[in-house]
Every structure is written in structure tokens, then in C-alpha cells.
Amino acid sequence: MKIILASQSPRRKDILESLGVSFEVEASCTDEYFDPTLPLDKALKNVAYQKAKAIFDQHPDACVIGADTIVAFEGKLYGKPKDLEEARMFLESFSGKIQQVMTGICILYKDKKYCHVDVTDVVFRPLSDQEISDYLQHFNVLDKAGAYGIQDSDFVTEIRGSYTNVVGLGKESMEKMLKEIGGLE
């Protein structure tokens, strides 16, 4: 079975590799539409589906994996920040609080569609302005939902749920979904 990860994310690639899966990477260049009229989990699954479908249309015999990660906090959604100023605002908002990291996963294979959303609570300790400035200066935050990477932050005090979900792809969910379609022994 040919498996394609429809994502450029090196973190998603690493997580999939850790499962021992042989796959190719082909970035999905689709205009992602997050439908605000849908319940959050359905809208997130839909974005993951859009990413997978764009690649599946080109490779209909392959098993294609699409994913999208967002942060939900106090009724708002936080994707990738548009600039460092917005990234600073994100981190200031999360300081000392709990947010939810949500990753929608969609696998398309033959005539089947498997979709799932992982949700992980992430707790931040209070951050000073200087800590935020230092973090923004030393790490690439513009390619990460919520403007932080769990793997390079020392301000997360607790994770309730899947660590790899916060990185960008829930390993446990991926393993289960791939087993269901026969992509893992």
C-alpha cells in the first residue's frame, strides 16, 4: 500500500516515521476553509479532509493522510500567527492558563474516509514579557498553531492527553487508524 502524508511538517513526518510506516510526503497546496458554521470538531475534520483530498485526487490508489492543528482558548481559535506581534499576543493570552490543542486527522483510502480529532489540554505557567521575547527570538513560531512548539518550550507545566497531538499528529490515533485500513501490521 502506498501511503502519502499530505503535509510539509517535519514534526508530522517524524511521528509517522516512529510508527515504522513507509510513506512519501506530498504537501497539500489547498486553500483551507475552516467553516465557522460547523461544530469545531467537524470543521477541523473538514480541513484535514480538504488537505487529504487534494492529494488523493492526484493519487487515487494511495492511502492519503491529511491533518490540521489548532489551539482553542476561551472561545477563540488560534492557528499559525501571521507575524511576531500576533505570536506575542497568543503567548501572553496563554500565560498561566490552559488551552486545548486539537488536531484533525483524515485518511482517504479507496472508497473509505476515516476522520478523527485528538484533543489535548496544555497548561502554561505564567510567563514574563522577557521570557516571551526570548522565546520569540530563539524559535520559529510562525509555522506553529498557537505560536509555540511543545518540543522546544519550558513553560508547559502539564499535558492532559497525547503529547504527539500537541506536536502535530496524535501517534496513538494514527496507529489505530492505520491498523483499521491495513496500513500497519
Protein backbone atom coordinates (compact mmCIF):
# COMPACT_ATOMS: atom_id res chain seq x y z
CA MET A 1 0.00 0.00 0.00
CA LYS A 2 1.37 3.41 -0.99
CA ILE A 3 0.93 5.92 1.84
CA ILE A 4 1.24 9.67 1.30
CA LEU A 5 1.44 12.27 4.07
CA ALA A 6 -0.21 15.43 2.71
CA SER A 7 1.89 17.75 4.88
CA GLN A 8 5.25 19.51 4.83
CA SER A 9 5.50 19.40 8.61
CA PRO A 10 8.78 17.79 9.70
CA ARG A 11 7.14 17.03 13.05
CA ARG A 12 4.29 15.06 11.45
CA LYS A 13 6.82 13.25 9.27
CA ASP A 14 8.86 12.25 12.36
CA ILE A 15 5.77 10.99 14.18
CA LEU A 16 4.69 8.86 11.21
CA GLU A 17 8.25 7.50 10.84
CA SER A 18 8.21 6.50 14.51
CA LEU A 19 5.37 4.09 13.66
CA GLY A 20 7.63 2.29 11.19
CA VAL A 21 5.42 3.24 8.26
CA SER A 22 6.86 3.55 4.77
CA PHE A 23 5.42 6.69 3.18
CA GLU A 24 6.00 9.61 0.86
CA VAL A 25 5.46 13.29 1.58
CA GLU A 26 3.50 15.48 -0.78
CA ALA A 27 2.42 18.83 0.57
CA SER A 28 -1.19 19.75 0.02
CA CYS A 29 -1.49 23.22 -1.52
CA THR A 30 -5.17 23.74 -0.97
CA ASP A 31 -6.97 26.84 0.24
CA GLU A 32 -8.01 25.65 3.67
CA TYR A 33 -11.54 26.67 4.57
CA PHE A 34 -12.44 26.45 8.23
CA ASP A 35 -16.24 26.54 8.26
CA PRO A 36 -17.34 28.57 11.31
CA THR A 37 -20.92 27.30 10.97
CA LEU A 38 -19.89 23.73 11.79
CA PRO A 39 -19.17 22.35 15.26
CA LEU A 40 -15.44 22.73 15.97
CA ASP A 41 -14.54 19.03 15.64
CA LYS A 42 -16.40 18.74 12.30
CA ALA A 43 -14.79 21.91 10.93
CA LEU A 44 -11.34 20.61 11.88
CA LYS A 45 -12.02 17.20 10.30
CA ASN A 46 -13.18 19.05 7.20
CA VAL A 47 -9.88 20.98 6.88
CA ALA A 48 -7.91 17.73 7.30
CA TYR A 49 -10.17 16.17 4.65
CA GLN A 50 -9.53 19.09 2.24
CA LYS A 51 -5.77 18.58 2.60
CA ALA A 52 -6.01 14.81 2.06
CA LYS A 53 -8.47 15.12 -0.82
CA ALA A 54 -6.23 17.49 -2.80
CA ILE A 55 -3.53 14.80 -2.86
CA PHE A 56 -5.92 11.84 -3.11
CA ASP A 57 -7.38 13.29 -6.32
CA GLN A 58 -3.89 13.03 -7.86
CA HIS A 59 -3.16 9.57 -6.38
CA PRO A 60 -6.49 7.70 -6.12
CA ASP A 61 -4.77 4.34 -5.48
CA ALA A 62 -2.83 5.65 -2.47
CA CYS A 63 -3.70 5.97 1.18
CA VAL A 64 -3.51 9.71 1.90
CA ILE A 65 -3.21 11.31 5.34
CA GLY A 66 -4.22 14.91 5.95
CA ALA A 67 -4.02 16.76 9.26
CA ASP A 68 -4.58 20.20 10.72
CA THR A 69 -3.80 21.52 14.20
CA ILE A 70 -5.32 24.49 16.01
CA VAL A 71 -5.40 25.80 19.56
CA ALA A 72 -8.74 26.56 21.20
CA PHE A 73 -8.71 29.04 24.07
CA GLU A 74 -11.53 30.96 25.74
CA GLY A 75 -13.88 30.55 22.80
CA LYS A 76 -11.35 31.57 20.14
CA LEU A 77 -9.27 29.56 17.68
CA TYR A 78 -5.56 30.13 17.26
CA GLY A 79 -3.83 28.86 14.15
CA LYS A 80 -0.39 29.90 12.96
CA PRO A 81 0.32 33.53 13.84
CA LYS A 82 0.64 35.95 10.91
CA ASP A 83 3.62 37.74 12.45
CA LEU A 84 5.70 38.01 15.65
CA GLU A 85 3.37 40.62 17.13
CA GLU A 86 0.43 38.25 16.87
CA ALA A 87 2.62 35.41 18.22
CA ARG A 88 3.41 37.56 21.26
CA MET A 89 -0.30 38.22 21.81
CA PHE A 90 -1.02 34.47 21.64
CA LEU A 91 1.63 33.61 24.25
CA GLU A 92 0.57 36.47 26.52
CA SER A 93 -3.01 35.18 26.37
CA PHE A 94 -1.98 31.59 27.22
CA SER A 95 0.33 32.63 30.07
CA GLY A 96 -0.71 30.89 33.30
CA LYS A 97 -3.72 29.26 31.68
CA ILE A 98 -5.00 26.08 30.00
CA GLN A 99 -5.69 25.79 26.30
CA GLN A 100 -6.74 22.88 24.13
CA VAL A 101 -4.65 21.70 21.22
CA MET A 102 -6.80 19.96 18.62
CA THR A 103 -5.61 18.01 15.60
CA GLY A 104 -7.98 16.83 12.93
CA ILE A 105 -6.80 13.77 11.01
CA CYS A 106 -8.32 12.42 7.81
CA ILE A 107 -7.23 9.30 5.96
CA LEU A 108 -8.58 8.60 2.49
CA TYR A 109 -8.12 5.12 1.06
CA LYS A 110 -10.05 3.59 -1.81
CA ASP A 111 -13.69 4.47 -1.14
CA LYS A 112 -13.21 4.98 2.59
CA LYS A 113 -12.79 8.11 4.69
CA TYR A 114 -11.51 7.86 8.26
CA CYS A 115 -11.56 11.07 10.31
CA HIS A 116 -10.72 11.77 13.93
CA VAL A 117 -9.94 14.72 16.21
CA ASP A 118 -7.45 14.47 19.06
CA VAL A 119 -7.81 16.96 21.93
CA THR A 120 -5.08 17.65 24.49
CA ASP A 121 -5.18 20.14 27.36
CA VAL A 122 -1.94 22.11 27.72
CA VAL A 123 -1.18 24.10 30.88
CA PHE A 124 1.23 27.07 30.78
CA ARG A 125 2.97 28.52 33.78
CA PRO A 126 2.89 32.33 33.99
CA LEU A 127 5.32 33.89 31.51
CA SER A 128 7.17 37.18 31.89
CA ASP A 129 7.47 39.63 28.99
CA GLN A 130 11.19 38.83 28.81
CA GLU A 131 10.56 35.06 28.60
CA ILE A 132 8.13 35.63 25.75
CA SER A 133 10.62 37.91 23.95
CA ASP A 134 13.41 35.35 24.38
CA TYR A 135 11.20 32.55 23.09
CA LEU A 136 10.11 34.54 20.04
CA GLN A 137 13.73 35.41 19.28
CA HIS A 138 15.08 31.86 19.52
CA PHE A 139 12.35 29.70 17.98
CA ASN A 140 10.41 29.71 14.72
CA VAL A 141 6.89 30.29 15.99
CA LEU A 142 5.25 31.37 12.73
CA ASP A 143 4.79 27.79 11.49
CA LYS A 144 3.12 26.53 14.67
CA ALA A 145 -0.51 26.69 15.75
CA GLY A 146 -0.71 28.81 18.89
CA ALA A 147 2.83 30.19 18.27
CA TYR A 148 4.68 27.56 20.27
CA GLY A 149 6.23 24.14 19.89
CA ILE A 150 5.80 21.80 22.82
CA GLN A 151 9.14 20.19 21.98
CA ASP A 152 11.05 23.47 22.49
CA SER A 153 9.14 25.12 25.34
CA ASP A 154 9.94 25.00 29.04
CA PHE A 155 6.78 26.81 30.09
CA VAL A 156 4.33 23.93 29.75
CA THR A 157 3.68 22.53 33.22
CA GLU A 158 1.14 19.84 32.37
CA ILE A 159 -0.24 17.94 29.39
CA ARG A 160 -3.54 16.08 29.64
CA GLY A 161 -3.77 13.82 26.63
CA SER A 162 -1.47 12.96 23.75
CA TYR A 163 1.91 14.69 23.68
CA THR A 164 2.34 13.91 19.97
CA ASN A 165 -1.04 15.52 19.27
CA VAL A 166 0.43 18.78 20.57
CA VAL A 167 3.45 18.24 18.31
CA GLY A 168 1.06 17.95 15.36
CA LEU A 169 -0.18 14.38 14.93
CA GLY A 170 -1.52 12.02 17.60
CA LYS A 171 0.67 8.92 17.29
CA GLU A 172 -1.84 6.72 19.11
CA SER A 173 -4.69 7.77 16.83
CA MET A 174 -2.58 7.37 13.70
CA GLU A 175 -1.56 3.87 14.74
CA LYS A 176 -5.17 2.84 15.39
CA MET A 177 -6.47 4.36 12.13
CA LEU A 178 -3.71 2.81 10.02
CA LYS A 179 -4.33 -0.60 11.57
CA GLU A 180 -8.03 -0.30 10.67
CA ILE A 181 -7.24 0.23 6.99
CA GLY A 182 -4.45 -2.34 6.86
CA GLY A 183 -1.54 0.09 6.61
CA LEU A 184 0.13 -1.31 9.76
CA GLU A 185 0.74 -4.89 10.72
